[in-house]
PDB file of N, CA and C in Angstrom:
ATOM      1  N   GLU A   1       0.811  -1.190   0.000  1.00  0.00           N
ATOM      2  CA  GLU A   1       0.000   0.000   0.000  1.00  0.00           C
ATOM      3  C   GLU A   1       0.859   1.261   0.000  1.00  0.00           C
ATOM      4  N   GLU A   2       1.908   1.222   0.765  1.00  0.00           N
ATOM      5  CA  GLU A   2       2.783   2.390   0.848  1.00  0.00           C
ATOM      6  C   GLU A   2       3.413   2.679  -0.512  1.00  0.00           C
ATOM      7  N   GLU A   3       3.770   1.636  -1.222  1.00  0.00           N
ATOM      8  CA  GLU A   3       4.371   1.804  -2.540  1.00  0.00           C
ATOM      9  C   GLU A   3       3.370   2.441  -3.500  1.00  0.00           C
ATOM     10  N   GLU A   4       2.122   2.023  -3.419  1.00  0.00           N
ATOM     11  CA  GLU A   4       1.093   2.568  -4.284  1.00  0.00           C
ATOM     12  C   GLU A   4       0.875   4.051  -3.988  1.00  0.00           C
ATOM     13  N   GLU A   5       0.878   4.413  -2.718  1.00  0.00           N
ATOM     14  CA  GLU A   5       0.697   5.813  -2.325  1.00  0.00           C
ATOM     15  C   GLU A   5       1.868   6.662  -2.826  1.00  0.00           C
ATOM     16  N   GLU A   6       3.066   6.133  -2.723  1.00  0.00           N
ATOM     17  CA  GLU A   6       4.244   6.853  -3.191  1.00  0.00           C
ATOM     18  C   GLU A   6       4.180   7.058  -4.705  1.00  0.00           C
ATOM     19  N   GLU A   7       3.742   6.034  -5.430  1.00  0.00           N
ATOM     20  CA  GLU A   7       3.623   6.136  -6.872  1.00  0.00           C
ATOM     21  C   GLU A   7       2.569   7.171  -7.259  1.00  0.00           C
ATOM     22  N   GLU A   8       1.450   7.190  -6.531  1.00  0.00           N
ATOM     23  CA  GLU A   8       0.400   8.164  -6.802  1.00  0.00           C
ATOM     24  C   GLU A   8       0.896   9.584  -6.553  1.00  0.00           C
ATOM     25  N   GLU A   9       1.653   9.788  -5.494  1.00  0.00           N
ATOM     26  CA  GLU A   9       2.206  11.114  -5.182  1.00  0.00           C
ATOM     27  C   GLU A   9       3.174  11.554  -6.281  1.00  0.00           C
ATOM     28  N   GLU A  10       4.003  10.627  -6.754  1.00  0.00           N
ATOM     29  CA  GLU A  10       4.941  10.943  -7.823  1.00  0.00           C
ATOM     30  C   GLU A  10       4.197  11.312  -9.094  1.00  0.00           C
ATOM     31  N   GLU A  11       3.120  10.583  -9.401  1.00  0.00           N
ATOM     32  CA  GLU A  11       2.331  10.877 -10.596  1.00  0.00           C
ATOM     33  C   GLU A  11       1.670  12.246 -10.485  1.00  0.00           C
ATOM     34  N   GLU A  12       1.176  12.594  -9.306  1.00  0.00           N
ATOM     35  CA  GLU A  12       0.541  13.892  -9.097  1.00  0.00           C
ATOM     36  C   GLU A  12       1.552  15.015  -9.286  1.00  0.00           C
ATOM     37  N   GLU A  13       2.765  14.814  -8.797  1.00  0.00           N
ATOM     38  CA  GLU A  13       3.809  15.830  -8.960  1.00  0.00           C
ATOM     39  C   GLU A  13       4.146  16.012 -10.436  1.00  0.00           C
ATOM     40  N   GLU A  14       4.196  14.927 -11.181  1.00  0.00           N
ATOM     41  CA  GLU A  14       4.506  15.006 -12.602  1.00  0.00           C
ATOM     42  C   GLU A  14       3.390  15.676 -13.390  1.00  0.00           C
ATOM     43  N   GLU A  15       2.140  15.490 -12.930  1.00  0.00           N
ATOM     44  CA  GLU A  15       0.989  16.030 -13.631  1.00  0.00           C
ATOM     45  C   GLU A  15       0.818  17.528 -13.439  1.00  0.00           C
ATOM     46  N   GLU A  16       1.517  18.115 -12.477  1.00  0.00           N
ATOM     47  CA  GLU A  16       1.390  19.556 -12.252  1.00  0.00           C
ATOM     48  C   GLU A  16       1.801  20.290 -13.526  1.00  0.00           C
ATOM     49  N   VAL A  17       0.916  21.161 -13.973  1.00  0.00           N
ATOM     50  CA  VAL A  17       1.118  21.850 -15.247  1.00  0.00           C
ATOM     51  C   VAL A  17       1.331  23.328 -14.974  1.00  0.00           C
ATOM     52  N   ASP A  18       2.142  23.939 -15.818  1.00  0.00           N
ATOM     53  CA  ASP A  18       2.380  25.375 -15.718  1.00  0.00           C
ATOM     54  C   ASP A  18       1.143  26.104 -16.233  1.00  0.00           C
ATOM     55  N   PHE A  19       0.469  26.853 -15.372  1.00  0.00           N
ATOM     56  CA  PHE A  19      -0.752  27.553 -15.744  1.00  0.00           C
ATOM     57  C   PHE A  19      -0.506  28.994 -16.141  1.00  0.00           C
ATOM     58  N   THR A  20       0.695  29.285 -16.626  1.00  0.00           N
ATOM     59  CA  THR A  20       1.002  30.628 -17.093  1.00  0.00           C
ATOM     60  C   THR A  20       0.241  30.861 -18.397  1.00  0.00           C
ATOM     61  N   PRO A  21      -0.426  32.015 -18.538  1.00  0.00           N
ATOM     62  CA  PRO A  21      -1.180  32.283 -19.775  1.00  0.00           C
ATOM     63  C   PRO A  21      -0.285  32.264 -21.011  1.00  0.00           C
ATOM     64  N   VAL A  22      -0.862  31.924 -22.122  1.00  0.00           N
ATOM     65  CA  VAL A  22      -0.123  31.779 -23.380  1.00  0.00           C
ATOM     66  C   VAL A  22       0.500  33.106 -23.800  1.00  0.00           C
ATOM     67  N   PHE A  23      -0.214  34.222 -23.576  1.00  0.00           N
ATOM     68  CA  PHE A  23       0.324  35.508 -24.015  1.00  0.00           C
ATOM     69  C   PHE A  23       1.604  35.862 -23.278  1.00  0.00           C
ATOM     70  N   VAL A  24       1.763  35.355 -22.050  1.00  0.00           N
ATOM     71  CA  VAL A  24       3.000  35.618 -21.307  1.00  0.00           C
ATOM     72  C   VAL A  24       4.162  34.911 -21.998  1.00  0.00           C
ATOM     73  N   HIS A  25       3.928  33.685 -22.442  1.00  0.00           N
ATOM     74  CA  HIS A  25       4.980  32.957 -23.167  1.00  0.00           C
ATOM     75  C   HIS A  25       5.298  33.644 -24.497  1.00  0.00           C
ATOM     76  N   ALA A  26       4.259  34.116 -25.179  1.00  0.00           N
ATOM     77  CA  ALA A  26       4.466  34.816 -26.458  1.00  0.00           C
ATOM     78  C   ALA A  26       5.268  36.086 -26.246  1.00  0.00           C
ATOM     79  N   ARG A  27       4.923  36.840 -25.216  1.00  0.00           N
ATOM     80  CA  ARG A  27       5.665  38.074 -24.915  1.00  0.00           C
ATOM     81  C   ARG A  27       7.110  37.753 -24.595  1.00  0.00           C
ATOM     82  N   ARG A  28       7.335  36.669 -23.862  1.00  0.00           N
ATOM     83  CA  ARG A  28       8.698  36.272 -23.506  1.00  0.00           C
ATOM     84  C   ARG A  28       9.500  35.928 -24.763  1.00  0.00           C
ATOM     85  N   LEU A  29       8.848  35.315 -25.755  1.00  0.00           N
ATOM     86  CA  LEU A  29       9.539  34.998 -27.013  1.00  0.00           C
ATOM     87  C   LEU A  29      10.056  36.253 -27.697  1.00  0.00           C
ATOM     88  N   PHE A  30       9.270  37.330 -27.661  1.00  0.00           N
ATOM     89  CA  PHE A  30       9.673  38.569 -28.317  1.00  0.00           C
ATOM     90  C   PHE A  30      10.665  39.367 -27.489  1.00  0.00           C
ATOM     91  N   ASN A  31      10.456  39.429 -26.194  1.00  0.00           N
ATOM     92  CA  ASN A  31      11.289  40.289 -25.351  1.00  0.00           C
ATOM     93  C   ASN A  31      12.591  39.640 -24.903  1.00  0.00           C
ATOM     94  N   GLU A  32      12.615  38.333 -24.799  1.00  0.00           N
ATOM     95  CA  GLU A  32      13.803  37.641 -24.298  1.00  0.00           C
ATOM     96  C   GLU A  32      14.302  36.625 -25.309  1.00  0.00           C
ATOM     97  N   HIS A  33      14.352  37.051 -26.573  1.00  0.00           N
ATOM     98  CA  HIS A  33      14.760  36.130 -27.627  1.00  0.00           C
ATOM     99  C   HIS A  33      16.273  35.969 -27.676  1.00  0.00           C
ATOM    100  N   GLU A  34      16.691  34.936 -28.358  1.00  0.00           N
ATOM    101  CA  GLU A  34      18.107  34.647 -28.521  1.00  0.00           C
ATOM    102  C   GLU A  34      18.715  35.652 -29.494  1.00  0.00           C
ATOM    103  N   VAL A  35      19.883  36.178 -29.166  1.00  0.00           N
ATOM    104  CA  VAL A  35      20.528  37.188 -29.994  1.00  0.00           C
ATOM    105  C   VAL A  35      21.903  36.686 -30.420  1.00  0.00           C
ATOM    106  N   LEU A  36      22.153  36.749 -31.715  1.00  0.00           N
ATOM    107  CA  LEU A  36      23.469  36.390 -32.234  1.00  0.00           C
ATOM    108  C   LEU A  36      24.247  37.672 -32.491  1.00  0.00           C
ATOM    109  N   GLU A  37      25.470  37.699 -32.018  1.00  0.00           N
ATOM    110  CA  GLU A  37      26.298  38.886 -32.224  1.00  0.00           C
ATOM    111  C   GLU A  37      27.389  38.572 -33.243  1.00  0.00           C
ATOM    112  N   ASN A  38      27.949  39.624 -33.819  1.00  0.00           N
ATOM    113  CA  ASN A  38      29.015  39.499 -34.814  1.00  0.00           C
ATOM    114  C   ASN A  38      28.579  38.631 -36.000  1.00  0.00           C
ATOM    115  N   VAL A  39      27.409  38.937 -36.546  1.00  0.00           N
ATOM    116  CA  VAL A  39      26.900  38.214 -37.706  1.00  0.00           C
ATOM    117  C   VAL A  39      27.226  39.011 -38.953  1.00  0.00           C
ATOM    118  N   GLU A  40      27.744  38.337 -39.951  1.00  0.00           N
ATOM    119  CA  GLU A  40      28.099  38.996 -41.196  1.00  0.00           C
ATOM    120  C   GLU A  40      27.198  38.454 -42.304  1.00  0.00           C
ATOM    121  N   LEU A  41      26.428  39.338 -42.928  1.00  0.00           N
ATOM    122  CA  LEU A  41      25.508  38.922 -43.983  1.00  0.00           C
ATOM    123  C   LEU A  41      26.108  39.231 -45.344  1.00  0.00           C
ATOM    124  N   LYS A  42      26.022  38.266 -46.243  1.00  0.00           N
ATOM    125  CA  LYS A  42      26.525  38.454 -47.599  1.00  0.00           C
ATOM    126  C   LYS A  42      25.447  38.003 -48.571  1.00  0.00           C
ATOM    127  N   TRP A  43      25.172  38.825 -49.564  1.00  0.00           N
ATOM    128  CA  TRP A  43      24.196  38.472 -50.592  1.00  0.00           C
ATOM    129  C   TRP A  43      24.880  37.635 -51.641  1.00  0.00           C
ATOM    130  N   LYS A  44      24.277  36.509 -51.962  1.00  0.00           N
ATOM    131  CA  LYS A  44      24.812  35.623 -52.986  1.00  0.00           C
ATOM    132  C   LYS A  44      23.728  35.395 -54.035  1.00  0.00           C
ATOM    133  N   ASP A  45      24.145  34.843 -55.166  1.00  0.00           N
ATOM    134  CA  ASP A  45      23.178  34.507 -56.208  1.00  0.00           C
ATOM    135  C   ASP A  45      22.206  33.451 -55.686  1.00  0.00           C
ATOM    136  N   CYS A  46      21.019  33.484 -56.241  1.00  0.00           N
ATOM    137  CA  CYS A  46      19.963  32.545 -55.868  1.00  0.00           C
ATOM    138  C   CYS A  46      20.367  31.117 -56.255  1.00  0.00           C
ATOM    139  N   GLN A  47      20.120  30.178 -55.376  1.00  0.00           N
ATOM    140  CA  GLN A  47      20.366  28.767 -55.676  1.00  0.00           C
ATOM    141  C   GLN A  47      19.061  28.200 -56.226  1.00  0.00           C
ATOM    142  N   ALA A  48      18.878  28.360 -57.531  1.00  0.00           N
ATOM    143  CA  ALA A  48      17.594  28.081 -58.176  1.00  0.00           C
ATOM    144  C   ALA A  48      17.151  26.632 -58.019  1.00  0.00           C
ATOM    145  N   GLU A  49      18.040  25.688 -58.215  1.00  0.00           N
ATOM    146  CA  GLU A  49      17.651  24.276 -58.141  1.00  0.00           C
ATOM    147  C   GLU A  49      17.194  23.897 -56.737  1.00  0.00           C
ATOM    148  N   GLU A  50      17.985  24.277 -55.739  1.00  0.00           N
ATOM    149  CA  GLU A  50      17.641  23.936 -54.358  1.00  0.00           C
ATOM    150  C   GLU A  50      16.349  24.613 -53.925  1.00  0.00           C
ATOM    151  N   LEU A  51      16.198  25.869 -54.335  1.00  0.00           N
ATOM    152  CA  LEU A  51      14.988  26.606 -53.980  1.00  0.00           C
ATOM    153  C   LEU A  51      13.759  25.986 -54.638  1.00  0.00           C
ATOM    154  N   THR A  52      13.896  25.591 -55.896  1.00  0.00           N
ATOM    155  CA  THR A  52      12.780  24.959 -56.599  1.00  0.00           C
ATOM    156  C   THR A  52      12.420  23.625 -55.941  1.00  0.00           C
ATOM    157  N   LYS A  53      13.423  22.808 -55.623  1.00  0.00           N
ATOM    158  CA  LYS A  53      13.158  21.528 -54.961  1.00  0.00           C
ATOM    159  C   LYS A  53      12.413  21.743 -53.649  1.00  0.00           C
ATOM    160  N   PHE A  54      12.882  22.694 -52.867  1.00  0.00           N
ATOM    161  CA  PHE A  54      12.268  22.946 -51.570  1.00  0.00           C
ATOM    162  C   PHE A  54      10.822  23.416 -51.728  1.00  0.00           C
ATOM    163  N   LEU A  55      10.612  24.434 -52.555  1.00  0.00           N
ATOM    164  CA  LEU A  55       9.280  25.018 -52.676  1.00  0.00           C
ATOM    165  C   LEU A  55       8.285  24.100 -53.379  1.00  0.00           C
ATOM    166  N   VAL A  56       8.732  23.406 -54.413  1.00  0.00           N
ATOM    167  CA  VAL A  56       7.810  22.571 -55.183  1.00  0.00           C
ATOM    168  C   VAL A  56       7.613  21.211 -54.511  1.00  0.00           C
ATOM    169  N   ASP A  57       8.711  20.508 -54.245  1.00  0.00           N
ATOM    170  CA  ASP A  57       8.609  19.143 -53.728  1.00  0.00           C
ATOM    171  C   ASP A  57       8.156  19.090 -52.271  1.00  0.00           C
ATOM    172  N   GLN A  58       8.746  19.944 -51.435  1.00  0.00           N
ATOM    173  CA  GLN A  58       8.448  19.850 -50.006  1.00  0.00           C
ATOM    174  C   GLN A  58       7.262  20.708 -49.575  1.00  0.00           C
ATOM    175  N   MET A  59       7.116  21.889 -50.174  1.00  0.00           N
ATOM    176  CA  MET A  59       6.078  22.804 -49.710  1.00  0.00           C
ATOM    177  C   MET A  59       4.839  22.836 -50.606  1.00  0.00           C
ATOM    178  N   GLY A  60       4.910  22.215 -51.782  1.00  0.00           N
ATOM    179  CA  GLY A  60       3.735  22.085 -52.632  1.00  0.00           C
ATOM    180  C   GLY A  60       3.376  23.301 -53.470  1.00  0.00           C
ATOM    181  N   PHE A  61       4.335  24.168 -53.761  1.00  0.00           N
ATOM    182  CA  PHE A  61       4.061  25.328 -54.605  1.00  0.00           C
ATOM    183  C   PHE A  61       4.028  24.913 -56.078  1.00  0.00           C
ATOM    184  N   SER A  62       3.414  25.731 -56.915  1.00  0.00           N
ATOM    185  CA  SER A  62       3.345  25.478 -58.352  1.00  0.00           C
ATOM    186  C   SER A  62       4.721  25.704 -58.975  1.00  0.00           C
ATOM    187  N   GLU A  63       5.166  24.740 -59.768  1.00  0.00           N
ATOM    188  CA  GLU A  63       6.503  24.815 -60.360  1.00  0.00           C
ATOM    189  C   GLU A  63       6.639  26.007 -61.306  1.00  0.00           C
ATOM    190  N   ASP A  64       5.595  26.286 -62.098  1.00  0.00           N
ATOM    191  CA  ASP A  64       5.654  27.405 -63.044  1.00  0.00           C
ATOM    192  C   ASP A  64       5.791  28.735 -62.303  1.00  0.00           C
ATOM    193  N   ARG A  65       5.018  28.914 -61.262  1.00  0.00           N
ATOM    194  CA  ARG A  65       5.071  30.169 -60.507  1.00  0.00           C
ATOM    195  C   ARG A  65       6.425  30.330 -59.813  1.00  0.00           C
ATOM    196  N   VAL A  66       6.956  29.238 -59.283  1.00  0.00           N
ATOM    197  CA  VAL A  66       8.252  29.293 -58.615  1.00  0.00           C
ATOM    198  C   VAL A  66       9.333  29.687 -59.615  1.00  0.00           C
ATOM    199  N   LYS A  67       9.334  29.077 -60.787  1.00  0.00           N
ATOM    200  CA  LYS A  67      10.357  29.381 -61.793  1.00  0.00           C
ATOM    201  C   LYS A  67      10.272  30.830 -62.257  1.00  0.00           C
ATOM    202  N   SER A  68       9.050  31.328 -62.484  1.00  0.00           N
ATOM    203  CA  SER A  68       8.921  32.719 -62.937  1.00  0.00           C
ATOM    204  C   SER A  68       9.403  33.697 -61.865  1.00  0.00           C
ATOM    205  N   ASN A  69       9.123  33.391 -60.616  1.00  0.00           N
ATOM    206  CA  ASN A  69       9.572  34.285 -59.545  1.00  0.00           C
ATOM    207  C   ASN A  69      11.073  34.183 -59.306  1.00  0.00           C
ATOM    208  N   ILE A  70      11.644  33.026 -59.509  1.00  0.00           N
ATOM    209  CA  ILE A  70      13.101  32.891 -59.398  1.00  0.00           C
ATOM    210  C   ILE A  70      13.776  33.712 -60.496  1.00  0.00           C
ATOM    211  N   GLU A  71      13.202  33.706 -61.707  1.00  0.00           N
ATOM    212  CA  GLU A  71      13.749  34.525 -62.797  1.00  0.00           C
ATOM    213  C   GLU A  71      13.692  36.003 -62.434  1.00  0.00           C
ATOM    214  N   LYS A  72      12.583  36.445 -61.851  1.00  0.00           N
ATOM    215  CA  LYS A  72      12.462  37.848 -61.416  1.00  0.00           C
ATOM    216  C   LYS A  72      13.516  38.167 -60.368  1.00  0.00           C
ATOM    217  N   LEU A  73      13.719  37.242 -59.447  1.00  0.00           N
ATOM    218  CA  LEU A  73      14.713  37.435 -58.391  1.00  0.00           C
ATOM    219  C   LEU A  73      16.112  37.553 -58.974  1.00  0.00           C
ATOM    220  N   GLN A  74      16.424  36.710 -59.951  1.00  0.00           N
ATOM    221  CA  GLN A  74      17.748  36.744 -60.569  1.00  0.00           C
ATOM    222  C   GLN A  74      17.959  38.037 -61.355  1.00  0.00           C
ATOM    223  N   LYS A  75      16.922  38.524 -62.051  1.00  0.00           N
ATOM    224  CA  LYS A  75      17.036  39.795 -62.774  1.00  0.00           C
ATOM    225  C   LYS A  75      17.271  40.949 -61.815  1.00  0.00           C
ATOM    226  N   ALA A  76      16.552  40.943 -60.715  1.00  0.00           N
ATOM    227  CA  ALA A  76      16.706  42.010 -59.723  1.00  0.00           C
ATOM    228  C   ALA A  76      18.091  41.970 -59.105  1.00  0.00           C
ATOM    229  N   MET A  77      18.631  40.775 -58.896  1.00  0.00           N
ATOM    230  CA  MET A  77      19.970  40.635 -58.316  1.00  0.00           C
ATOM    231  C   MET A  77      21.024  41.187 -59.268  1.00  0.00           C
ATOM    232  N   LYS A  78      20.865  40.911 -60.572  1.00  0.00           N
ATOM    233  CA  LYS A  78      21.819  41.433 -61.560  1.00  0.00           C
ATOM    234  C   LYS A  78      21.729  42.954 -61.636  1.00  0.00           C
ATOM    235  N   LYS A  79      20.527  43.456 -61.591  1.00  0.00           N
ATOM    236  CA  LYS A  79      20.311  44.897 -61.705  1.00  0.00           C
ATOM    237  C   LYS A  79      20.907  45.641 -60.506  1.00  0.00           C
ATOM    238  N   ASN A  80      20.809  45.056 -59.332  1.00  0.00           N
ATOM    239  CA  ASN A  80      21.261  45.720 -58.103  1.00  0.00           C
ATOM    240  C   ASN A  80      22.572  45.165 -57.580  1.00  0.00           C
ATOM    241  N   SER A  81      23.360  44.547 -58.442  1.00  0.00           N
ATOM    242  CA  SER A  81      24.596  43.929 -57.973  1.00  0.00           C
ATOM    243  C   SER A  81      25.667  44.948 -57.596  1.00  0.00           C
ATOM    244  N   LYS A  82      25.568  46.155 -58.124  1.00  0.00           N
ATOM    245  CA  LYS A  82      26.554  47.168 -57.750  1.00  0.00           C
ATOM    246  C   LYS A  82      26.257  47.644 -56.330  1.00  0.00           C
ATOM    247  N   PRO A  83      27.273  48.124 -55.618  1.00  0.00           N
ATOM    248  CA  PRO A  83      27.042  48.544 -54.232  1.00  0.00           C
ATOM    249  C   PRO A  83      26.102  49.739 -54.148  1.00  0.00           C
ATOM    250  N   GLN A  84      25.409  49.808 -53.060  1.00  0.00           N
ATOM    251  CA  GLN A  84      24.441  50.881 -52.854  1.00  0.00           C
ATOM    252  C   GLN A  84      25.170  52.208 -52.681  1.00  0.00           C
ATOM    253  N   MET A  85      24.607  53.258 -53.281  1.00  0.00           N
ATOM    254  CA  MET A  85      25.232  54.582 -53.208  1.00  0.00           C
ATOM    255  C   MET A  85      24.960  55.208 -51.854  1.00  0.00           C
ATOM    256  N   ARG A  86      25.863  56.052 -51.441  1.00  0.00           N
ATOM    257  CA  ARG A  86      25.691  56.764 -50.174  1.00  0.00           C
ATOM    258  C   ARG A  86      24.656  57.860 -50.350  1.00  0.00           C
ATOM    259  N   MET A  87      24.013  58.229 -49.268  1.00  0.00           N
ATOM    260  CA  MET A  87      22.961  59.228 -49.308  1.00  0.00           C
ATOM    261  C   MET A  87      23.494  60.581 -49.774  1.00  0.00           C
ATOM    262  N   ASP A  88      24.700  60.947 -49.345  1.00  0.00           N
ATOM    263  CA  ASP A  88      25.230  62.261 -49.708  1.00  0.00           C
ATOM    264  C   ASP A  88      25.581  62.371 -51.186  1.00  0.00           C
ATOM    265  N   SER A  89      25.650  61.245 -51.891  1.00  0.00           N
ATOM    266  CA  SER A  89      25.943  61.316 -53.323  1.00  0.00           C
ATOM    267  C   SER A  89      24.742  61.833 -54.118  1.00  0.00           C
ATOM    268  N   PHE A  90      23.549  61.828 -53.527  1.00  0.00           N
ATOM    269  CA  PHE A  90      22.359  62.326 -54.207  1.00  0.00           C
ATOM    270  C   PHE A  90      22.235  63.846 -54.117  1.00  0.00           C
ATOM    271  N   PHE A  91      22.900  64.439 -53.149  1.00  0.00           N
ATOM    272  CA  PHE A  91      22.754  65.868 -52.902  1.00  0.00           C
ATOM    273  C   PHE A  91      24.096  66.558 -53.075  1.00  0.00           C
ATOM    274  N   LYS A  92      24.071  67.692 -53.746  1.00  0.00           N
ATOM    275  CA  LYS A  92      25.294  68.471 -53.920  1.00  0.00           C
ATOM    276  C   LYS A  92      25.065  69.839 -53.304  1.00  0.00           C
ATOM    277  N   VAL A  93      26.096  70.332 -52.650  1.00  0.00           N
ATOM    278  CA  VAL A  93      25.980  71.637 -52.015  1.00  0.00           C
ATOM    279  C   VAL A  93      26.150  72.703 -53.082  1.00  0.00           C
ATOM    280  N   LYS A  94      25.151  73.537 -53.190  1.00  0.00           N
ATOM    281  CA  LYS A  94      25.224  74.642 -54.149  1.00  0.00           C
ATOM    282  C   LYS A  94      25.466  75.922 -53.381  1.00  0.00           C
ATOM    283  N   GLU A  95      26.239  76.774 -53.973  1.00  0.00           N
ATOM    284  CA  GLU A  95      26.475  78.067 -53.347  1.00  0.00           C
ATOM    285  C   GLU A  95      25.260  78.949 -53.608  1.00  0.00           C
ATOM    286  N   ASN A  96      24.840  79.626 -52.588  1.00  0.00           N
ATOM    287  CA  ASN A  96      23.708  80.533 -52.706  1.00  0.00           C
ATOM    288  C   ASN A  96      24.139  81.731 -53.543  1.00  0.00           C
ATOM    289  N   PRO A  97      23.405  82.055 -54.601  1.00  0.00           N
ATOM    290  CA  PRO A  97      23.814  83.190 -55.442  1.00  0.00           C
ATOM    291  C   PRO A  97      23.769  84.527 -54.684  1.00  0.00           C
ATOM    292  N   ASN A  98      22.984  84.586 -53.643  1.00  0.00           N
ATOM    293  CA  ASN A  98      22.872  85.826 -52.869  1.00  0.00           C
ATOM    294  C   ASN A  98      23.722  85.799 -51.605  1.00  0.00           C
ATOM    295  N   SER A  99      24.626  84.838 -51.485  1.00  0.00           N
ATOM    296  CA  SER A  99      25.390  84.695 -50.253  1.00  0.00           C
ATOM    297  C   SER A  99      26.257  85.926 -49.955  1.00  0.00           C
ATOM    298  N   ALA A 100      26.802  86.557 -50.975  1.00  0.00           N
ATOM    299  CA  ALA A 100      27.624  87.746 -50.751  1.00  0.00           C
ATOM    300  C   ALA A 100      26.771  88.875 -50.174  1.00  0.00           C
ATOM    301  N   LYS A 101      25.566  89.071 -50.713  1.00  0.00           N
ATOM    302  CA  LYS A 101      24.668  90.117 -50.219  1.00  0.00           C
ATOM    303  C   LYS A 101      24.253  89.841 -48.776  1.00  0.00           C
ATOM    304  N   ILE A 102      23.920  88.588 -48.496  1.00  0.00           N
ATOM    305  CA  ILE A 102      23.472  88.214 -47.153  1.00  0.00           C
ATOM    306  C   ILE A 102      24.603  88.421 -46.147  1.00  0.00           C
ATOM    307  N   ALA A 103      25.825  88.028 -46.515  1.00  0.00           N
ATOM    308  CA  ALA A 103      26.965  88.207 -45.623  1.00  0.00           C
ATOM    309  C   ALA A 103      27.213  89.692 -45.361  1.00  0.00           C
ATOM    310  N   ALA A 104      27.073  90.522 -46.393  1.00  0.00           N
ATOM    311  CA  ALA A 104      27.268  91.959 -46.217  1.00  0.00           C
ATOM    312  C   ALA A 104      26.211  92.534 -45.282  1.00  0.00           C
ATOM    313  N   LYS A 105      24.959  92.109 -45.414  1.00  0.00           N
ATOM    314  CA  LYS A 105      23.884  92.593 -44.540  1.00  0.00           C
ATOM    315  C   LYS A 105      24.153  92.200 -43.092  1.00  0.00           C
ATOM    316  N   ARG A 106      24.593  90.955 -42.862  1.00  0.00           N
ATOM    317  CA  ARG A 106      24.891  90.505 -41.497  1.00  0.00           C
ATOM    318  C   ARG A 106      26.019  91.324 -40.887  1.00  0.00           C
ATOM    319  N   LYS A 107      27.015  91.567 -41.687  1.00  0.00           N
ATOM    320  CA  LYS A 107      28.161  92.343 -41.208  1.00  0.00           C
ATOM    321  C   LYS A 107      27.723  93.757 -40.846  1.00  0.00           C
ATOM    322  N   ALA A 108      26.902  94.362 -41.696  1.00  0.00           N
ATOM    323  CA  ALA A 108      26.402  95.714 -41.443  1.00  0.00           C
ATOM    324  C   ALA A 108      25.530  95.735 -40.185  1.00  0.00           C
ATOM    325  N   ALA A 109      24.710  94.706 -39.987  1.00  0.00           N
ATOM    326  CA  ALA A 109      23.839  94.643 -38.809  1.00  0.00           C
ATOM    327  C   ALA A 109      24.681  94.509 -37.540  1.00  0.00           C
ATOM    328  N   LYS A 110      25.736  93.723 -37.580  1.00  0.00           N
ATOM    329  CA  LYS A 110      26.604  93.577 -36.409  1.00  0.00           C
ATOM    330  C   LYS A 110      27.317  94.884 -36.097  1.00  0.00           C
ATOM    331  N   GLU A 111      27.768  95.549 -37.130  1.00  0.00           N
ATOM    332  CA  GLU A 111      28.451  96.831 -36.919  1.00  0.00           C
ATOM    333  C   GLU A 111      27.491  97.860 -36.341  1.00  0.00           C
ATOM    334  N   ALA A 112      26.248  97.840 -36.827  1.00  0.00           N
ATOM    335  CA  ALA A 112      25.250  98.782 -36.308  1.00  0.00           C
ATOM    336  C   ALA A 112      24.955  98.472 -34.849  1.00  0.00           C
ATOM    337  N   GLU A 113      24.873  97.211 -34.496  1.00  0.00           N
ATOM    338  CA  GLU A 113      24.628  96.825 -33.106  1.00  0.00           C
ATOM    339  C   GLU A 113      25.781  97.257 -32.223  1.00  0.00           C
ATOM    340  N   GLY A 114      26.991  97.028 -32.730  1.00  0.00           N
ATOM    341  CA  GLY A 114      28.176  97.436 -31.963  1.00  0.00           C
ATOM    342  C   GLY A 114      28.218  98.936 -31.752  1.00  0.00           C
ATOM    343  N   ALA A 115      27.808  99.704 -32.739  1.00  0.00           N
ATOM    344  CA  ALA A 115      27.801 101.182 -32.623  1.00  0.00           C
ATOM    345  C   ALA A 115      26.736 101.607 -31.607  1.00  0.00           C
ATOM    346  N   LYS A 116      25.585 100.976 -31.583  1.00  0.00           N
ATOM    347  CA  LYS A 116      24.526 101.313 -30.625  1.00  0.00           C
ATOM    348  C   LYS A 116      24.985 101.025 -29.204  1.00  0.00           C
ATOM    349  N   LYS A 117      25.694  99.915 -28.995  1.00  0.00           N
ATOM    350  CA  LYS A 117      26.150  99.571 -27.649  1.00  0.00           C
ATOM    351  C   LYS A 117      27.179 100.575 -27.155  1.00  0.00           C
ATOM    352  N   LYS A 118      28.014 101.061 -28.055  1.00  0.00           N
ATOM    353  CA  LYS A 118      29.018 102.049 -27.667  1.00  0.00           C
ATOM    354  C   LYS A 118      28.372 103.370 -27.298  1.00  0.00           C
ATOM    355  N   LYS A 119      27.299 103.733 -28.020  1.00  0.00           N
ATOM    356  CA  LYS A 119      26.602 105.008 -27.759  1.00  0.00           C
ATOM    357  C   LYS A 119      25.783 104.892 -26.473  1.00  0.00           C
ATOM    358  N   GLY A 120      25.118 103.788 -26.286  1.00  0.00           N
ATOM    359  CA  GLY A 120      24.171 103.654 -25.204  1.00  0.00           C
ATOM    360  C   GLY A 120      24.743 103.082 -24.006  1.00  0.00           C
TER     361      GLY A 120
END
């Protein structure tokens, strides 16, 4: 009898379930996720055969649609294979045609202010 009671107690302990709500676990997945550091990403050409095998054979996608989209992907890769331009290459600093006039006005205003302070 004692053995049976011990077995029942062990089973009850094993049956205890975590009653934490599902949203708490979901939040924990987002807030306390695994982070990899020092990761280096490199863009390579599409592996068309492997991708087609995976999408068509394993995932059940249409072979024609997969092939047409792989072709689009390859065209886009060729088109964008050159390195991305820096933001400052789009903008050029132009000299203001009125900059000389504006500088002269500022200088005159400062001189006028300086003269007022000396008088007052």
